[in-house]
Amino acid sequence: MVTCHLKYTIDPFQLAVFEDYGKRWIKLVNRFGGQHHGYFMPSEGANNIAFAMFSFPSLAEYENYRRLILEDQECIETFKIAEDSRCILSYERTFLRLVFE
């Protein structure tokens, strides 16, 4: 399994737009065979940092997802929401592996 952790710098005046964007991606990732673990919005502290995490059974399945979302109309529309609103200022993507005892 591979887990993608995203750290977003967001526009604090566009929180509602970013939250809508996140809810859409939760559904989309799950539809494409991943397991979304949620978006984490600012609460206390910094008002412009958000996180998201989702997993795929393998790196190959994640790479297939990345290819398919570029052709899917709902994904394209969701990308456009972020682009048009500029709710995302920047992001960092990190891949993690789970360790059990």
Foldseek 3Di string as FASTA:
>chain_A
DKKKKKKFFFDLVCQVLVVVLQVLVCVLCVVLAKHWPGKAADDPDDRGIIMTMIGHPDPVSVVVSVVVLVVDPSSVVSVVSCVVVVGTVDMDMDMDDDDDD
